C-alpha atoms as a PDB file:
ATOM      1  CA  MET A   1      -4.751   0.452  12.276  1.00  0.00           C
ATOM      2  CA  ILE A   2      -4.229   4.056  11.236  1.00  0.00           C
ATOM      3  CA  ASP A   3      -0.609   5.152  11.010  1.00  0.00           C
ATOM      4  CA  LYS A   4       1.283   8.092   9.512  1.00  0.00           C
ATOM      5  CA  ASP A   5       0.931   6.565   6.013  1.00  0.00           C
ATOM      6  CA  HIS A   6      -2.855   7.082   6.252  1.00  0.00           C
ATOM      7  CA  ILE A   7      -2.901  10.779   7.220  1.00  0.00           C
ATOM      8  CA  GLU A   8      -4.246  12.088   3.912  1.00  0.00           C
ATOM      9  CA  GLN A   9      -7.039   9.479   3.918  1.00  0.00           C
ATOM     10  CA  LEU A  10      -7.756  10.191   7.583  1.00  0.00           C
ATOM     11  CA  GLN A  11      -8.076  13.935   7.055  1.00  0.00           C
ATOM     12  CA  SER A  12     -10.540  13.531   4.191  1.00  0.00           C
ATOM     13  CA  GLY A  13     -12.738  10.937   5.881  1.00  0.00           C
ATOM     14  CA  THR A  14     -16.168  11.060   7.489  1.00  0.00           C
ATOM     15  CA  VAL A  15     -16.264  10.048  11.159  1.00  0.00           C
ATOM     16  CA  LEU A  16     -19.098   7.645  12.054  1.00  0.00           C
ATOM     17  CA  ASP A  17     -20.304   6.322  15.397  1.00  0.00           C
ATOM     18  CA  SER A  18     -20.781   2.646  16.280  1.00  0.00           C
ATOM     19  CA  GLU A  19     -24.291   2.702  14.785  1.00  0.00           C
ATOM     20  CA  GLY A  20     -23.117   4.209  11.487  1.00  0.00           C
ATOM     21  CA  ASN A  21     -24.390   7.729  12.243  1.00  0.00           C
ATOM     22  CA  LYS A  22     -22.291  10.599  10.901  1.00  0.00           C
ATOM     23  CA  ILE A  23     -20.477  12.455  13.654  1.00  0.00           C
ATOM     24  CA  GLY A  24     -18.435  14.882  11.554  1.00  0.00           C
ATOM     25  CA  SER A  25     -15.076  15.118   9.832  1.00  0.00           C
ATOM     26  CA  VAL A  26     -11.502  14.943  11.058  1.00  0.00           C
ATOM     27  CA  GLY A  27     -10.077  18.270  12.190  1.00  0.00           C
ATOM     28  CA  THR A  28      -6.562  18.379  13.595  1.00  0.00           C
ATOM     29  CA  VAL A  29      -4.393  15.272  13.882  1.00  0.00           C
ATOM     30  CA  TYR A  30      -1.901  15.191  16.773  1.00  0.00           C
ATOM     31  CA  PHE A  31       1.249  13.087  16.568  1.00  0.00           C
ATOM     32  CA  ASP A  32       3.131  11.266  19.322  1.00  0.00           C
ATOM     33  CA  ASP A  33       6.385  13.099  20.064  1.00  0.00           C
ATOM     34  CA  VAL A  34       8.339   9.840  20.343  1.00  0.00           C
ATOM     35  CA  SER A  35       6.933   7.524  17.661  1.00  0.00           C
ATOM     36  CA  GLY A  36       5.801  10.179  15.185  1.00  0.00           C
ATOM     37  CA  GLU A  37       2.559   8.231  14.710  1.00  0.00           C
ATOM     38  CA  PRO A  38      -0.881   9.876  14.869  1.00  0.00           C
ATOM     39  CA  ASP A  39      -2.084   9.667  18.455  1.00  0.00           C
ATOM     40  CA  TRP A  40      -5.186  11.881  18.718  1.00  0.00           C
ATOM     41  CA  ALA A  41      -7.549  13.664  16.341  1.00  0.00           C
ATOM     42  CA  THR A  42     -10.275  16.233  16.743  1.00  0.00           C
ATOM     43  CA  VAL A  43     -13.688  15.699  15.166  1.00  0.00           C
ATOM     44  CA  LYS A  44     -15.329  18.734  13.562  1.00  0.00           C
ATOM     45  CA  MET A  45     -18.952  18.705  14.690  1.00  0.00           C
ATOM     46  CA  GLY A  46     -21.871  21.075  14.605  1.00  0.00           C
ATOM     47  CA  LEU A  47     -22.764  23.840  12.251  1.00  0.00           C
ATOM     48  CA  PHE A  48     -19.591  24.945  10.444  1.00  0.00           C
ATOM     49  CA  GLY A  49     -17.490  22.604  12.614  1.00  0.00           C
ATOM     50  CA  THR A  50     -17.873  24.810  15.667  1.00  0.00           C
ATOM     51  CA  SER A  51     -17.150  22.006  18.130  1.00  0.00           C
ATOM     52  CA  GLU A  52     -14.007  19.846  17.937  1.00  0.00           C
ATOM     53  CA  PRO A  53     -13.867  17.164  20.631  1.00  0.00           C
ATOM     54  CA  ILE A  54     -10.728  15.048  20.671  1.00  0.00           C
ATOM     55  CA  VAL A  55     -10.669  11.257  20.274  1.00  0.00           C
ATOM     56  CA  PRO A  56      -7.802   8.755  20.522  1.00  0.00           C
ATOM     57  CA  ARG A  57      -6.504   7.387  17.244  1.00  0.00           C
ATOM     58  CA  ARG A  58      -6.483   3.865  18.661  1.00  0.00           C
ATOM     59  CA  GLU A  59     -10.287   4.018  18.655  1.00  0.00           C
ATOM     60  CA  ALA A  60     -10.389   4.714  14.904  1.00  0.00           C
ATOM     61  CA  MET A  61     -10.209   2.459  11.869  1.00  0.00           C
ATOM     62  CA  LEU A  62     -10.423   3.201   8.159  1.00  0.00           C
ATOM     63  CA  ALA A  63     -13.237   1.757   6.045  1.00  0.00           C
ATOM     64  CA  GLY A  64     -12.894   3.329   2.612  1.00  0.00           C
ATOM     65  CA  ASP A  65     -13.712   7.028   3.048  1.00  0.00           C
ATOM     66  CA  ASP A  66     -15.285   6.406   6.456  1.00  0.00           C
ATOM     67  CA  ILE A  67     -13.713   6.363   9.901  1.00  0.00           C
ATOM     68  CA  PRO A  68     -15.996   4.352  12.166  1.00  0.00           C
ATOM     69  CA  LEU A  69     -15.471   4.710  15.918  1.00  0.00           C
ATOM     70  CA  PRO A  70     -16.562   1.998  18.383  1.00  0.00           C
ATOM     71  CA  ILE A  71     -18.531   4.543  20.443  1.00  0.00           C
ATOM     72  CA  LEU A  72     -21.792   6.481  20.152  1.00  0.00           C
ATOM     73  CA  LYS A  73     -22.014  10.081  18.940  1.00  0.00           C
ATOM     74  CA  ASP A  74     -23.086  11.345  22.391  1.00  0.00           C
ATOM     75  CA  LYS A  75     -19.848  10.007  23.885  1.00  0.00           C
ATOM     76  CA  VAL A  76     -17.798  11.915  21.277  1.00  0.00           C
ATOM     77  CA  LYS A  77     -19.850  15.067  21.948  1.00  0.00           C
ATOM     78  CA  ALA A  78     -18.969  14.762  25.642  1.00  0.00           C
ATOM     79  CA  ALA A  79     -15.239  14.376  24.967  1.00  0.00           C
ATOM     80  CA  PRO A  80     -12.940  17.282  25.865  1.00  0.00           C
ATOM     81  CA  SER A  81     -12.033  19.824  23.206  1.00  0.00           C
ATOM     82  CA  VAL A  82      -8.566  21.252  22.655  1.00  0.00           C
ATOM     83  CA  ASP A  83      -7.179  24.291  20.897  1.00  0.00           C
ATOM     84  CA  SER A  84      -6.292  23.083  17.395  1.00  0.00           C
ATOM     85  CA  ALA A  85      -3.275  25.399  17.281  1.00  0.00           C
ATOM     86  CA  GLN A  86      -1.871  23.909  20.467  1.00  0.00           C
ATOM     87  CA  HIS A  87       0.724  21.130  20.718  1.00  0.00           C
ATOM     88  CA  LEU A  88      -0.258  18.269  23.046  1.00  0.00           C
ATOM     89  CA  ASP A  89       2.528  17.686  25.521  1.00  0.00           C
ATOM     90  CA  VAL A  90       3.079  14.507  27.560  1.00  0.00           C
ATOM     91  CA  GLN A  91       1.042  15.784  30.527  1.00  0.00           C
ATOM     92  CA  GLN A  92      -1.966  16.670  28.350  1.00  0.00           C
ATOM     93  CA  ASP A  93      -1.733  13.334  26.557  1.00  0.00           C
ATOM     94  CA  GLU A  94      -1.830  11.528  29.914  1.00  0.00           C
ATOM     95  CA  GLU A  95      -4.754  13.662  31.132  1.00  0.00           C
ATOM     96  CA  LEU A  96      -6.769  12.897  27.988  1.00  0.00           C
END
């Protein structure tokens, strides 16, 4: 499981889909207001990281420098995007 002790490794990792295809890299990590643990992360995708869909941290694991997700790349592409400068409040967390 990824926790706050793994943030540096998480932010330098390559995100992979369930078939081992590269999706992108980790963008912004969002922390739970209560536990302080990482809760969500955006995935920089596309040319110059122009798209940053958000994925739940509970879906991610660490495997060396890779962060494999148990879903396909198309599912990540279809995930909602958020403003990386924005704080996720409780309502947004529930909506996601």
